[in-house]
């Protein structure tokens, strides 16, 4: 989903803002539809700042007042520049013009560059630092909802193959998050979420942070509410030619973290994997290879 028409300006000016302005800016960045539809006072209330702060934010961005921000975002909605549906319309038009293969090729190139970018700059340092935090934890709680569910669950699945340290915060009847009650400062919470951030994900992460539980985040921005409270965060791109945001880079991060954690386990990891494989073999879990028809 698009951040909105002032996303670039907000991100570039963020470091020069006071703490209150940063809070207001984060609200605008993360709630583009509300910026267009709600009154300034209601937005200030939801952001947890004074209405005057919203006005100061507008002036910090070079605008006359907050009404200018609201009008830009309202215009973006009217023109279809915000939201999945608007991106779907653009995708359909492009796809009709260029064809399915062109879309597929563009998506593959985009995802490839995003994954490659994870290894540039301090990307590798972030990955290793995040894995180190998780590997040192007594238990690893994994949380990912909606589109980020597979990211958190895949790491959880990898960890279940090498021991009993992982707990996935997902379950029937909305009871999955109850397991977090047993977490302590000796544990860690791996949380994955990208814009638009699920409310429950953010609230649970904030709850864990208040209890002193170390947070490792896989998220899409330095301004993400998860990045703001995490001890370590790995930032992934979600831009895509598709109407839906790209989740492949986040999934790759999950696989890398799992591999590093497993490697740090040394002989214990090898022993645990052998035990798991013996168990799966005893239950005949996986289909065994079959003879191909016509082969001798």
Protein backbone atom coordinates (compact mmCIF):
# COMPACT_ATOMS: atom_id res chain seq x y z
CA UNK A 1 0.00 0.00 0.00
CA UNK A 2 1.20 3.51 -0.81
CA UNK A 3 2.38 5.66 2.08
CA UNK A 4 0.78 8.77 0.57
CA UNK A 5 1.79 11.84 -1.43
CA UNK A 6 4.16 13.26 1.23
CA UNK A 7 5.95 10.04 2.15
CA UNK A 8 9.26 11.02 0.56
CA UNK A 9 9.29 14.45 2.18
CA UNK A 10 8.43 13.04 5.61
CA UNK A 11 11.14 10.39 5.52
CA UNK A 12 13.79 12.87 4.36
CA UNK A 13 12.88 15.40 7.09
CA UNK A 14 12.21 12.89 9.88
CA UNK A 15 15.61 13.12 11.59
CA UNK A 16 15.37 16.90 11.83
CA UNK A 17 12.03 16.75 13.65
CA UNK A 18 11.39 16.95 17.37
CA UNK A 19 9.99 13.88 19.13
CA UNK A 20 6.44 15.27 18.96
CA UNK A 21 6.75 16.10 15.27
CA UNK A 22 8.11 12.60 14.62
CA UNK A 23 5.05 11.12 16.32
CA UNK A 24 2.75 13.21 14.12
CA UNK A 25 4.80 12.41 11.01
CA UNK A 26 4.64 8.70 11.71
CA UNK A 27 0.87 8.93 11.93
CA UNK A 28 0.65 10.66 8.55
CA UNK A 29 3.00 8.13 6.98
CA UNK A 30 1.18 5.09 8.34
CA UNK A 31 -2.46 6.26 8.15
CA UNK A 32 -2.85 7.94 4.74
CA UNK A 33 -6.58 7.29 4.48
CA UNK A 34 -7.28 8.68 7.94
CA UNK A 35 -5.30 11.80 7.07
CA UNK A 36 -7.71 12.44 4.22
CA UNK A 37 -10.92 11.52 5.99
CA UNK A 38 -10.61 12.55 9.65
CA UNK A 39 -10.49 16.02 11.18
CA UNK A 40 -7.14 17.40 12.29
CA UNK A 41 -8.21 17.26 15.94
CA UNK A 42 -9.24 13.62 15.67
CA UNK A 43 -5.97 12.75 13.97
CA UNK A 44 -4.04 14.54 16.70
CA UNK A 45 -5.98 12.62 19.32
CA UNK A 46 -5.27 9.28 17.66
CA UNK A 47 -1.60 10.19 17.18
CA UNK A 48 -1.31 11.24 20.83
CA UNK A 49 -0.21 14.82 20.17
CA UNK A 50 -1.70 18.30 20.41
CA UNK A 51 -3.52 19.72 17.35
CA UNK A 52 -0.90 22.47 17.18
CA UNK A 53 1.71 19.78 16.56
CA UNK A 54 -0.06 18.78 13.36
CA UNK A 55 0.12 22.38 12.19
CA UNK A 56 3.81 22.60 13.05
CA UNK A 57 4.40 19.41 11.07
CA UNK A 58 2.84 20.98 7.99
CA UNK A 59 5.02 24.07 8.33
CA UNK A 60 8.10 21.89 8.90
CA UNK A 61 7.32 20.31 5.52
CA UNK A 62 7.05 23.72 3.90
CA UNK A 63 3.25 23.95 3.80
CA UNK A 64 1.01 26.72 5.08
CA UNK A 65 -1.02 24.53 7.43
CA UNK A 66 -2.30 21.03 8.12
CA UNK A 67 -5.30 21.56 5.86
CA UNK A 68 -2.83 21.51 2.96
CA UNK A 69 -1.73 18.01 4.01
CA UNK A 70 -5.33 16.81 4.31
CA UNK A 71 -6.21 18.20 0.89
CA UNK A 72 -3.25 16.45 -0.77
CA UNK A 73 -4.25 13.14 0.75
CA UNK A 74 -7.92 13.66 -0.10
CA UNK A 75 -6.91 14.38 -3.69
CA UNK A 76 -4.82 11.21 -3.74
CA UNK A 77 -7.84 9.17 -2.68
CA UNK A 78 -10.12 10.88 -5.22
CA UNK A 79 -7.64 10.16 -8.00
CA UNK A 80 -7.10 6.58 -6.80
CA UNK A 81 -3.47 7.03 -5.79
CA UNK A 82 -3.80 5.37 -2.36
CA UNK A 83 -4.68 1.75 -1.69
CA UNK A 84 -4.53 -1.77 -3.15
CA UNK A 85 -7.49 -1.14 -5.44
CA UNK A 86 -5.78 1.78 -7.13
CA UNK A 87 -2.66 -0.26 -7.71
CA UNK A 88 -4.80 -3.07 -9.10
CA UNK A 89 -6.25 -0.67 -11.65
CA UNK A 90 -2.79 0.40 -12.74
CA UNK A 91 -1.65 -3.20 -12.91
CA UNK A 92 -4.62 -4.24 -15.06
CA UNK A 93 -3.99 -1.42 -17.51
CA UNK A 94 -0.29 -2.19 -17.80
CA UNK A 95 -0.91 -5.92 -18.05
CA UNK A 96 -3.35 -5.46 -20.90
CA UNK A 97 -0.84 -3.30 -22.74
CA UNK A 98 2.34 -5.32 -22.14
CA UNK A 99 1.07 -8.83 -21.40
CA UNK A 100 1.38 -11.39 -18.62
CA UNK A 101 4.99 -12.30 -19.33
CA UNK A 102 6.07 -8.70 -18.99
CA UNK A 103 4.41 -8.42 -15.58
CA UNK A 104 5.98 -11.68 -14.42
CA UNK A 105 9.41 -10.61 -15.65
CA UNK A 106 9.13 -7.19 -14.00
CA UNK A 107 8.12 -8.76 -10.70
CA UNK A 108 11.03 -11.21 -10.82
CA UNK A 109 13.54 -8.45 -11.53
CA UNK A 110 12.09 -6.29 -8.75
CA UNK A 111 12.15 -9.10 -6.17
CA UNK A 112 15.67 -10.09 -7.19
CA UNK A 113 16.96 -6.57 -6.64
CA UNK A 114 15.21 -6.33 -3.28
CA UNK A 115 16.76 -9.57 -2.07
CA UNK A 116 20.18 -8.52 -3.35
CA UNK A 117 19.81 -5.24 -1.47
CA UNK A 118 19.55 -7.16 1.82
CA UNK A 119 23.27 -7.87 1.51
CA UNK A 120 24.32 -4.29 0.82
CA UNK A 121 25.25 -1.53 3.24
CA UNK A 122 24.72 -2.69 6.80
CA UNK A 123 22.13 -5.26 5.73
CA UNK A 124 24.31 -8.26 6.61
CA UNK A 125 25.22 -6.73 9.97
CA UNK A 126 21.52 -6.30 10.74
CA UNK A 127 20.80 -9.92 9.81
CA UNK A 128 23.60 -11.29 11.97
CA UNK A 129 22.72 -9.04 14.91
CA UNK A 130 19.08 -10.15 14.73
CA UNK A 131 20.07 -13.82 14.53
CA UNK A 132 22.47 -13.42 17.46
CA UNK A 133 19.71 -11.96 19.63
CA UNK A 134 17.37 -14.81 18.75
CA UNK A 135 20.01 -17.51 19.14
CA UNK A 136 20.81 -16.33 22.67
CA UNK A 137 17.18 -16.46 23.79
CA UNK A 138 15.78 -19.19 25.98
CA UNK A 139 12.61 -19.28 23.90
CA UNK A 140 11.71 -17.56 20.64
CA UNK A 141 8.14 -16.35 20.26
CA UNK A 142 7.16 -15.86 16.59
CA UNK A 143 4.42 -13.41 15.63
CA UNK A 144 3.16 -12.55 12.17
CA UNK A 145 -0.42 -11.87 11.12
CA UNK A 146 -2.19 -11.51 7.78
CA UNK A 147 0.35 -11.26 4.92
CA UNK A 148 3.25 -11.62 7.38
CA UNK A 149 1.97 -14.87 8.86
CA UNK A 150 4.05 -17.06 6.58
CA UNK A 151 7.20 -15.08 7.41
CA UNK A 152 6.96 -15.75 11.15
CA UNK A 153 5.56 -19.25 10.77
CA UNK A 154 8.35 -20.39 8.45
CA UNK A 155 11.00 -19.40 10.99
CA UNK A 156 8.98 -21.17 13.67
CA UNK A 157 8.79 -24.31 11.52
CA UNK A 158 12.54 -24.29 10.87
CA UNK A 159 13.21 -23.94 14.59
CA UNK A 160 10.89 -26.84 15.49
CA UNK A 161 13.14 -29.11 13.43
CA UNK A 162 16.11 -28.36 15.69
CA UNK A 163 14.52 -28.30 19.13
CA UNK A 164 11.65 -27.04 21.27
CA UNK A 165 12.57 -23.37 21.72
CA UNK A 166 10.07 -21.83 19.34
CA UNK A 167 6.47 -20.85 20.14
CA UNK A 168 4.22 -19.59 17.36
CA UNK A 169 1.72 -16.98 18.57
CA UNK A 170 -1.15 -18.18 16.45
CA UNK A 171 -4.03 -20.45 17.35
CA UNK A 172 -7.73 -21.21 17.11
CA UNK A 173 -10.32 -19.20 19.02
CA UNK A 174 -7.89 -16.26 19.32
CA UNK A 175 -5.93 -18.07 22.02
CA UNK A 176 -2.59 -18.22 20.24
CA UNK A 177 -1.27 -15.06 21.82
CA UNK A 178 -1.94 -16.41 25.33
CA UNK A 179 1.44 -18.15 25.20
CA UNK A 180 3.14 -14.77 25.46
CA UNK A 181 2.13 -14.70 29.13
CA UNK A 182 5.00 -17.09 29.84
CA UNK A 183 7.66 -14.94 28.15
CA UNK A 184 10.39 -13.19 30.13
CA UNK A 185 13.44 -11.03 29.55
CA UNK A 186 15.39 -14.24 28.84
CA UNK A 187 13.29 -14.83 25.73
CA UNK A 188 12.81 -12.93 22.47
CA UNK A 189 9.90 -11.97 20.26
CA UNK A 190 10.37 -12.23 16.51
CA UNK A 191 7.67 -10.08 14.95
CA UNK A 192 6.99 -9.53 11.26
CA UNK A 193 4.72 -6.84 9.83
CA UNK A 194 4.64 -4.43 6.90
CA UNK A 195 2.36 -1.52 6.02
CA UNK A 196 -0.58 -1.60 6.58
CA UNK A 197 0.44 -2.87 10.04
CA UNK A 198 -2.09 -5.15 11.77
CA UNK A 199 -3.22 -3.46 14.97
CA UNK A 200 -2.94 -6.64 17.06
CA UNK A 201 0.65 -7.22 15.93
CA UNK A 202 1.73 -3.74 17.02
CA UNK A 203 -0.15 -3.90 20.30
CA UNK A 204 1.33 -7.28 21.23
CA UNK A 205 4.83 -6.11 20.35
CA UNK A 206 4.38 -2.97 22.45
CA UNK A 207 3.09 -5.11 25.32
CA UNK A 208 6.15 -7.36 25.09
CA UNK A 209 8.49 -4.37 24.95
CA UNK A 210 6.91 -2.89 28.08
CA UNK A 211 7.68 -6.17 29.86
CA UNK A 212 11.32 -5.98 28.80
CA UNK A 213 11.16 -8.83 26.29
CA UNK A 214 13.74 -8.25 23.51
CA UNK A 215 12.12 -7.57 20.13
CA UNK A 216 13.51 -8.57 16.74
CA UNK A 217 11.50 -7.09 13.88
CA UNK A 218 11.21 -7.88 10.19
CA UNK A 219 9.51 -4.78 8.82
CA UNK A 220 9.46 -2.34 5.95
CA UNK A 221 10.62 1.01 7.32
CA UNK A 222 12.84 2.63 9.91
CA UNK A 223 9.70 4.54 10.88
CA UNK A 224 7.67 1.38 11.37
CA UNK A 225 6.14 1.15 14.86
CA UNK A 226 7.98 -2.16 15.23
CA UNK A 227 11.37 -0.72 14.27
CA UNK A 228 10.86 1.97 16.91
CA UNK A 229 10.66 -0.55 19.78
CA UNK A 230 12.87 -3.38 18.48
CA UNK A 231 16.38 -4.08 19.75
CA UNK A 232 17.18 -5.27 16.24
CA UNK A 233 15.27 -4.78 13.01
CA UNK A 234 15.81 -6.01 9.47
CA UNK A 235 14.28 -3.63 6.92
CA UNK A 236 12.81 -5.16 3.78
CA UNK A 237 11.37 -3.55 0.67
CA UNK A 238 7.77 -4.32 -0.26
CA UNK A 239 7.51 -2.37 -3.52
CA UNK A 240 6.04 -4.38 -6.36
CA UNK A 241 4.65 -3.97 -9.88
CA UNK A 242 1.74 -6.04 -8.55
CA UNK A 243 -1.21 -4.54 -6.69
CA UNK A 244 -0.03 -6.46 -3.60
CA UNK A 245 3.10 -5.68 -1.67
CA UNK A 246 6.07 -8.02 -2.13
CA UNK A 247 6.60 -10.43 0.78
CA UNK A 248 9.44 -12.47 -0.77
CA UNK A 249 12.27 -10.39 0.79
CA UNK A 250 10.75 -10.78 4.26
CA UNK A 251 10.41 -14.53 3.71
CA UNK A 252 14.07 -14.73 2.68
CA UNK A 253 15.07 -12.93 5.90
CA UNK A 254 13.15 -15.55 7.85
CA UNK A 255 15.07 -18.34 6.12
CA UNK A 256 18.42 -16.66 6.72
CA UNK A 257 17.69 -16.12 10.41
CA UNK A 258 16.68 -19.77 10.78
CA UNK A 259 19.85 -20.97 9.06
CA UNK A 260 22.14 -18.81 11.21
CA UNK A 261 20.41 -19.86 14.42
CA UNK A 262 20.68 -23.51 13.42
CA UNK A 263 24.37 -23.18 12.59
CA UNK A 264 25.08 -21.60 15.96
CA UNK A 265 23.64 -24.70 17.60
CA UNK A 266 26.53 -26.84 16.36
CA UNK A 267 26.39 -30.51 17.35
CA UNK A 268 23.12 -30.00 19.23
CA UNK A 269 21.47 -28.91 15.98
CA UNK A 270 22.76 -31.98 14.15
CA UNK A 271 21.52 -34.28 16.90
CA UNK A 272 18.12 -32.60 16.96
CA UNK A 273 17.75 -32.89 13.20
CA UNK A 274 18.60 -36.58 13.30
CA UNK A 275 15.98 -37.09 16.00
CA UNK A 276 13.39 -35.21 13.93
CA UNK A 277 14.21 -37.17 10.78
CA UNK A 278 13.93 -40.47 12.66
CA UNK A 279 10.53 -39.41 13.98
CA UNK A 280 9.28 -38.39 10.52
CA UNK A 281 10.57 -41.62 9.00
CA UNK A 282 8.83 -43.70 11.66
CA UNK A 283 5.54 -42.02 10.76
CA UNK A 284 6.23 -42.37 7.03
CA UNK A 285 5.59 -38.64 6.75
CA UNK A 286 7.17 -38.00 3.37
CA UNK A 287 6.45 -39.72 0.09
CA UNK A 288 9.29 -42.03 -0.86
CA UNK A 289 10.73 -41.98 -4.38
CA UNK A 290 8.90 -44.14 -6.86
CA UNK A 291 10.06 -45.90 -9.98
CA UNK A 292 9.25 -43.95 -13.12
CA UNK A 293 7.01 -45.78 -15.57
CA UNK A 294 8.98 -47.47 -18.30
CA UNK A 295 12.26 -47.41 -16.36
CA UNK A 296 14.11 -50.69 -16.02
